[in-house]
């Protein structure tokens, strides 16, 4: 998961009805910290991730 630091990904989490999009800010031993578009942070355990994928157009990409 560390290779996704600083990238925007779409996550499907067990405790949410819909997928969410956020920038991966930190990856710990058993958690991930995501920053939403409005600046809020979401911390989730790694075992709650059902699936994820990177968005195609990353900000700042050349």
PDB file of N, CA and C in Angstrom:
ATOM      1  N   UNK A   1       0.818  -1.204   0.000  1.00  0.00           N
ATOM      2  CA  UNK A   1       0.000   0.000   0.000  1.00  0.00           C
ATOM      3  C   UNK A   1       0.861   1.267   0.000  1.00  0.00           C
ATOM      4  N   UNK A   2       2.115   1.171   0.472  1.00  0.00           N
ATOM      5  CA  UNK A   2       2.965   2.358   0.544  1.00  0.00           C
ATOM      6  C   UNK A   2       3.210   2.977  -0.822  1.00  0.00           C
ATOM      7  N   UNK A   3       3.190   2.161  -1.879  1.00  0.00           N
ATOM      8  CA  UNK A   3       3.456   2.718  -3.211  1.00  0.00           C
ATOM      9  C   UNK A   3       2.325   3.627  -3.697  1.00  0.00           C
ATOM     10  N   UNK A   4       1.189   3.647  -3.001  1.00  0.00           N
ATOM     11  CA  UNK A   4       0.077   4.500  -3.388  1.00  0.00           C
ATOM     12  C   UNK A   4       0.049   5.827  -2.622  1.00  0.00           C
ATOM     13  N   UNK A   5       1.048   6.067  -1.759  1.00  0.00           N
ATOM     14  CA  UNK A   5       1.099   7.335  -1.018  1.00  0.00           C
ATOM     15  C   UNK A   5       1.088   8.512  -1.983  1.00  0.00           C
ATOM     16  N   UNK A   6       0.256   9.498  -1.694  1.00  0.00           N
ATOM     17  CA  UNK A   6       0.167  10.694  -2.521  1.00  0.00           C
ATOM     18  C   UNK A   6      -0.678  10.546  -3.766  1.00  0.00           C
ATOM     19  N   UNK A   7      -1.282   9.387  -3.977  1.00  0.00           N
ATOM     20  CA  UNK A   7      -2.132   9.200  -5.153  1.00  0.00           C
ATOM     21  C   UNK A   7      -3.605   9.213  -4.738  1.00  0.00           C
ATOM     22  N   UNK A   8      -4.451   9.520  -5.690  1.00  0.00           N
ATOM     23  CA  UNK A   8      -5.893   9.514  -5.446  1.00  0.00           C
ATOM     24  C   UNK A   8      -6.437   8.164  -5.888  1.00  0.00           C
ATOM     25  N   UNK A   9      -7.144   7.518  -4.972  1.00  0.00           N
ATOM     26  CA  UNK A   9      -7.689   6.184  -5.242  1.00  0.00           C
ATOM     27  C   UNK A   9      -9.174   6.144  -4.873  1.00  0.00           C
ATOM     28  N   UNK A  10      -9.850   5.198  -5.456  1.00  0.00           N
ATOM     29  CA  UNK A  10     -11.243   4.925  -5.124  1.00  0.00           C
ATOM     30  C   UNK A  10     -11.243   3.675  -4.251  1.00  0.00           C
ATOM     31  N   UNK A  11     -11.902   3.762  -3.088  1.00  0.00           N
ATOM     32  CA  UNK A  11     -11.906   2.655  -2.135  1.00  0.00           C
ATOM     33  C   UNK A  11     -13.320   2.144  -1.904  1.00  0.00           C
ATOM     34  N   UNK A  12     -13.440   0.849  -1.821  1.00  0.00           N
ATOM     35  CA  UNK A  12     -14.680   0.194  -1.428  1.00  0.00           C
ATOM     36  C   UNK A  12     -14.402  -0.387  -0.040  1.00  0.00           C
ATOM     37  N   UNK A  13     -15.055   0.186   0.996  1.00  0.00           N
ATOM     38  CA  UNK A  13     -14.808  -0.208   2.379  1.00  0.00           C
ATOM     39  C   UNK A  13     -16.022  -0.930   2.949  1.00  0.00           C
ATOM     40  N   UNK A  14     -15.787  -1.874   3.848  1.00  0.00           N
ATOM     41  CA  UNK A  14     -16.868  -2.693   4.391  1.00  0.00           C
ATOM     42  C   UNK A  14     -17.907  -1.882   5.139  1.00  0.00           C
ATOM     43  N   UNK A  15     -17.529  -0.765   5.753  1.00  0.00           N
ATOM     44  CA  UNK A  15     -18.449  -0.014   6.598  1.00  0.00           C
ATOM     45  C   UNK A  15     -19.136   1.147   5.882  1.00  0.00           C
ATOM     46  N   UNK A  16     -18.969   1.240   4.548  1.00  0.00           N
ATOM     47  CA  UNK A  16     -19.614   2.312   3.792  1.00  0.00           C
ATOM     48  C   UNK A  16     -20.473   1.710   2.693  1.00  0.00           C
ATOM     49  N   UNK A  17     -21.622   2.362   2.425  1.00  0.00           N
ATOM     50  CA  UNK A  17     -22.533   1.889   1.388  1.00  0.00           C
ATOM     51  C   UNK A  17     -21.998   2.139  -0.022  1.00  0.00           C
ATOM     52  N   UNK A  18     -21.274   3.249  -0.195  1.00  0.00           N
ATOM     53  CA  UNK A  18     -20.747   3.630  -1.502  1.00  0.00           C
ATOM     54  C   UNK A  18     -19.228   3.652  -1.463  1.00  0.00           C
ATOM     55  N   UNK A  19     -18.606   3.597  -2.636  1.00  0.00           N
ATOM     56  CA  UNK A  19     -17.160   3.758  -2.674  1.00  0.00           C
ATOM     57  C   UNK A  19     -16.823   5.225  -2.436  1.00  0.00           C
ATOM     58  N   UNK A  20     -15.612   5.462  -1.956  1.00  0.00           N
ATOM     59  CA  UNK A  20     -15.161   6.819  -1.684  1.00  0.00           C
ATOM     60  C   UNK A  20     -13.856   7.060  -2.426  1.00  0.00           C
ATOM     61  N   UNK A  21     -13.612   8.330  -2.711  1.00  0.00           N
ATOM     62  CA  UNK A  21     -12.388   8.737  -3.392  1.00  0.00           C
ATOM     63  C   UNK A  21     -11.591   9.610  -2.450  1.00  0.00           C
ATOM     64  N   UNK A  22     -10.318   9.318  -2.325  1.00  0.00           N
ATOM     65  CA  UNK A  22      -9.473  10.119  -1.462  1.00  0.00           C
ATOM     66  C   UNK A  22      -8.004   9.925  -1.773  1.00  0.00           C
ATOM     67  N   UNK A  23      -7.193  10.888  -1.318  1.00  0.00           N
ATOM     68  CA  UNK A  23      -5.752  10.800  -1.489  1.00  0.00           C
ATOM     69  C   UNK A  23      -5.167  10.017  -0.320  1.00  0.00           C
ATOM     70  N   UNK A  24      -4.317   9.075  -0.619  1.00  0.00           N
ATOM     71  CA  UNK A  24      -3.660   8.274   0.419  1.00  0.00           C
ATOM     72  C   UNK A  24      -2.593   9.150   1.070  1.00  0.00           C
ATOM     73  N   UNK A  25      -2.808   9.504   2.335  1.00  0.00           N
ATOM     74  CA  UNK A  25      -1.889  10.378   3.060  1.00  0.00           C
ATOM     75  C   UNK A  25      -0.892   9.606   3.900  1.00  0.00           C
ATOM     76  N   UNK A  26      -1.311   8.473   4.461  1.00  0.00           N
ATOM     77  CA  UNK A  26      -0.427   7.696   5.326  1.00  0.00           C
ATOM     78  C   UNK A  26      -0.867   6.240   5.326  1.00  0.00           C
ATOM     79  N   UNK A  27       0.103   5.364   5.391  1.00  0.00           N
ATOM     80  CA  UNK A  27      -0.172   3.928   5.503  1.00  0.00           C
ATOM     81  C   UNK A  27       0.612   3.428   6.702  1.00  0.00           C
ATOM     82  N   UNK A  28      -0.109   2.876   7.678  1.00  0.00           N
ATOM     83  CA  UNK A  28       0.531   2.328   8.861  1.00  0.00           C
ATOM     84  C   UNK A  28       0.543   0.815   8.808  1.00  0.00           C
ATOM     85  N   UNK A  29       0.920   0.230   9.913  1.00  0.00           N
ATOM     86  CA  UNK A  29       1.003  -1.229   9.990  1.00  0.00           C
ATOM     87  C   UNK A  29      -0.356  -1.883   9.739  1.00  0.00           C
ATOM     88  N   UNK A  30      -1.419  -1.289  10.277  1.00  0.00           N
ATOM     89  CA  UNK A  30      -2.744  -1.875  10.121  1.00  0.00           C
ATOM     90  C   UNK A  30      -3.828  -0.847   9.796  1.00  0.00           C
ATOM     91  N   UNK A  31      -3.426   0.341   9.301  1.00  0.00           N
ATOM     92  CA  UNK A  31      -4.413   1.369   8.956  1.00  0.00           C
ATOM     93  C   UNK A  31      -3.981   2.155   7.727  1.00  0.00           C
ATOM     94  N   UNK A  32      -4.949   2.868   7.158  1.00  0.00           N
ATOM     95  CA  UNK A  32      -4.699   3.781   6.047  1.00  0.00           C
ATOM     96  C   UNK A  32      -5.400   5.096   6.357  1.00  0.00           C
ATOM     97  N   UNK A  33      -4.767   6.202   6.037  1.00  0.00           N
ATOM     98  CA  UNK A  33      -5.339   7.528   6.259  1.00  0.00           C
ATOM     99  C   UNK A  33      -5.595   8.157   4.900  1.00  0.00           C
ATOM    100  N   UNK A  34      -6.848   8.528   4.652  1.00  0.00           N
ATOM    101  CA  UNK A  34      -7.250   9.125   3.376  1.00  0.00           C
ATOM    102  C   UNK A  34      -7.702  10.557   3.593  1.00  0.00           C
ATOM    103  N   UNK A  35      -7.384  11.434   2.637  1.00  0.00           N
ATOM    104  CA  UNK A  35      -7.865  12.815   2.675  1.00  0.00           C
ATOM    105  C   UNK A  35      -8.904  12.990   1.581  1.00  0.00           C
ATOM    106  N   UNK A  36     -10.113  13.366   1.983  1.00  0.00           N
ATOM    107  CA  UNK A  36     -11.196  13.588   1.039  1.00  0.00           C
ATOM    108  C   UNK A  36     -10.998  14.932   0.321  1.00  0.00           C
ATOM    109  N   UNK A  37     -11.766  15.176  -0.713  1.00  0.00           N
ATOM    110  CA  UNK A  37     -11.661  16.431  -1.475  1.00  0.00           C
ATOM    111  C   UNK A  37     -11.913  17.664  -0.632  1.00  0.00           C
ATOM    112  N   UNK A  38     -12.802  17.542   0.365  1.00  0.00           N
ATOM    113  CA  UNK A  38     -13.129  18.707   1.200  1.00  0.00           C
ATOM    114  C   UNK A  38     -12.162  18.880   2.368  1.00  0.00           C
ATOM    115  N   UNK A  39     -11.102  18.068   2.410  1.00  0.00           N
ATOM    116  CA  UNK A  39     -10.086  18.217   3.442  1.00  0.00           C
ATOM    117  C   UNK A  39     -10.263  17.330   4.664  1.00  0.00           C
ATOM    118  N   UNK A  40     -11.415  16.683   4.785  1.00  0.00           N
ATOM    119  CA  UNK A  40     -11.622  15.790   5.929  1.00  0.00           C
ATOM    120  C   UNK A  40     -10.732  14.565   5.794  1.00  0.00           C
ATOM    121  N   UNK A  41     -10.369  14.012   6.930  1.00  0.00           N
ATOM    122  CA  UNK A  41      -9.542  12.805   6.947  1.00  0.00           C
ATOM    123  C   UNK A  41     -10.375  11.603   7.358  1.00  0.00           C
ATOM    124  N   UNK A  42     -10.075  10.461   6.777  1.00  0.00           N
ATOM    125  CA  UNK A  42     -10.737   9.220   7.128  1.00  0.00           C
ATOM    126  C   UNK A  42      -9.655   8.190   7.408  1.00  0.00           C
ATOM    127  N   UNK A  43      -9.737   7.573   8.555  1.00  0.00           N
ATOM    128  CA  UNK A  43      -8.793   6.537   8.940  1.00  0.00           C
ATOM    129  C   UNK A  43      -9.553   5.208   8.944  1.00  0.00           C
ATOM    130  N   UNK A  44      -9.004   4.212   8.261  1.00  0.00           N
ATOM    131  CA  UNK A  44      -9.660   2.907   8.182  1.00  0.00           C
ATOM    132  C   UNK A  44      -8.635   1.802   8.381  1.00  0.00           C
ATOM    133  N   UNK A  45      -9.064   0.736   9.015  1.00  0.00           N
ATOM    134  CA  UNK A  45      -8.193  -0.440   9.147  1.00  0.00           C
ATOM    135  C   UNK A  45      -8.012  -1.076   7.773  1.00  0.00           C
ATOM    136  N   UNK A  46      -6.852  -1.625   7.528  1.00  0.00           N
ATOM    137  CA  UNK A  46      -6.574  -2.249   6.230  1.00  0.00           C
ATOM    138  C   UNK A  46      -7.504  -3.423   5.943  1.00  0.00           C
ATOM    139  N   UNK A  47      -7.945  -4.123   6.986  1.00  0.00           N
ATOM    140  CA  UNK A  47      -8.826  -5.274   6.741  1.00  0.00           C
ATOM    141  C   UNK A  47     -10.256  -4.881   6.399  1.00  0.00           C
ATOM    142  N   UNK A  48     -10.563  -3.572   6.371  1.00  0.00           N
ATOM    143  CA  UNK A  48     -11.891  -3.117   5.938  1.00  0.00           C
ATOM    144  C   UNK A  48     -11.931  -2.791   4.446  1.00  0.00           C
ATOM    145  N   UNK A  49     -10.782  -2.850   3.780  1.00  0.00           N
ATOM    146  CA  UNK A  49     -10.724  -2.536   2.347  1.00  0.00           C
ATOM    147  C   UNK A  49     -11.148  -3.769   1.549  1.00  0.00           C
ATOM    148  N   UNK A  50     -12.265  -3.643   0.824  1.00  0.00           N
ATOM    149  CA  UNK A  50     -12.727  -4.721  -0.047  1.00  0.00           C
ATOM    150  C   UNK A  50     -12.041  -4.662  -1.404  1.00  0.00           C
ATOM    151  N   UNK A  51     -11.758  -3.443  -1.855  1.00  0.00           N
ATOM    152  CA  UNK A  51     -11.095  -3.247  -3.139  1.00  0.00           C
ATOM    153  C   UNK A  51     -10.765  -1.785  -3.335  1.00  0.00           C
ATOM    154  N   UNK A  52      -9.815  -1.497  -4.224  1.00  0.00           N
ATOM    155  CA  UNK A  52      -9.469  -0.117  -4.525  1.00  0.00           C
ATOM    156  C   UNK A  52      -8.800  -0.050  -5.888  1.00  0.00           C
ATOM    157  N   UNK A  53      -8.783   1.155  -6.438  1.00  0.00           N
ATOM    158  CA  UNK A  53      -8.110   1.395  -7.714  1.00  0.00           C
ATOM    159  C   UNK A  53      -7.724   2.855  -7.825  1.00  0.00           C
ATOM    160  N   UNK A  54      -6.656   3.112  -8.557  1.00  0.00           N
ATOM    161  CA  UNK A  54      -6.205   4.491  -8.771  1.00  0.00           C
ATOM    162  C   UNK A  54      -7.091   5.170  -9.811  1.00  0.00           C
ATOM    163  N   UNK A  55      -7.347   6.466  -9.610  1.00  0.00           N
ATOM    164  CA  UNK A  55      -8.073   7.209 -10.633  1.00  0.00           C
ATOM    165  C   UNK A  55      -7.104   7.496 -11.781  1.00  0.00           C
ATOM    166  N   UNK A  56      -7.638   7.596 -12.975  1.00  0.00           N
ATOM    167  CA  UNK A  56      -6.810   7.733 -14.174  1.00  0.00           C
ATOM    168  C   UNK A  56      -6.047   9.058 -14.216  1.00  0.00           C
ATOM    169  N   UNK A  57      -6.722  10.160 -13.953  1.00  0.00           N
ATOM    170  CA  UNK A  57      -6.103  11.474 -14.032  1.00  0.00           C
ATOM    171  C   UNK A  57      -5.665  11.942 -12.663  1.00  0.00           C
ATOM    172  N   UNK A  58      -4.384  11.741 -12.356  1.00  0.00           N
ATOM    173  CA  UNK A  58      -3.832  12.157 -11.065  1.00  0.00           C
ATOM    174  C   UNK A  58      -3.444  13.637 -11.164  1.00  0.00           C
ATOM    175  N   UNK A  59      -3.756  14.439 -10.108  1.00  0.00           N
ATOM    176  CA  UNK A  59      -3.341  15.844 -10.145  1.00  0.00           C
ATOM    177  C   UNK A  59      -1.814  15.945 -10.128  1.00  0.00           C
ATOM    178  N   UNK A  60      -1.282  16.847 -10.927  1.00  0.00           N
ATOM    179  CA  UNK A  60       0.151  17.051 -10.983  1.00  0.00           C
ATOM    180  C   UNK A  60       0.889  16.043 -11.851  1.00  0.00           C
ATOM    181  N   UNK A  61       0.158  15.142 -12.477  1.00  0.00           N
ATOM    182  CA  UNK A  61       0.810  14.148 -13.348  1.00  0.00           C
ATOM    183  C   UNK A  61       1.178  14.798 -14.673  1.00  0.00           C
ATOM    184  N   UNK A  62       2.290  14.385 -15.221  1.00  0.00           N
ATOM    185  CA  UNK A  62       2.753  14.958 -16.488  1.00  0.00           C
ATOM    186  C   UNK A  62       2.248  14.135 -17.650  1.00  0.00           C
TER     187      UNK A  62
END
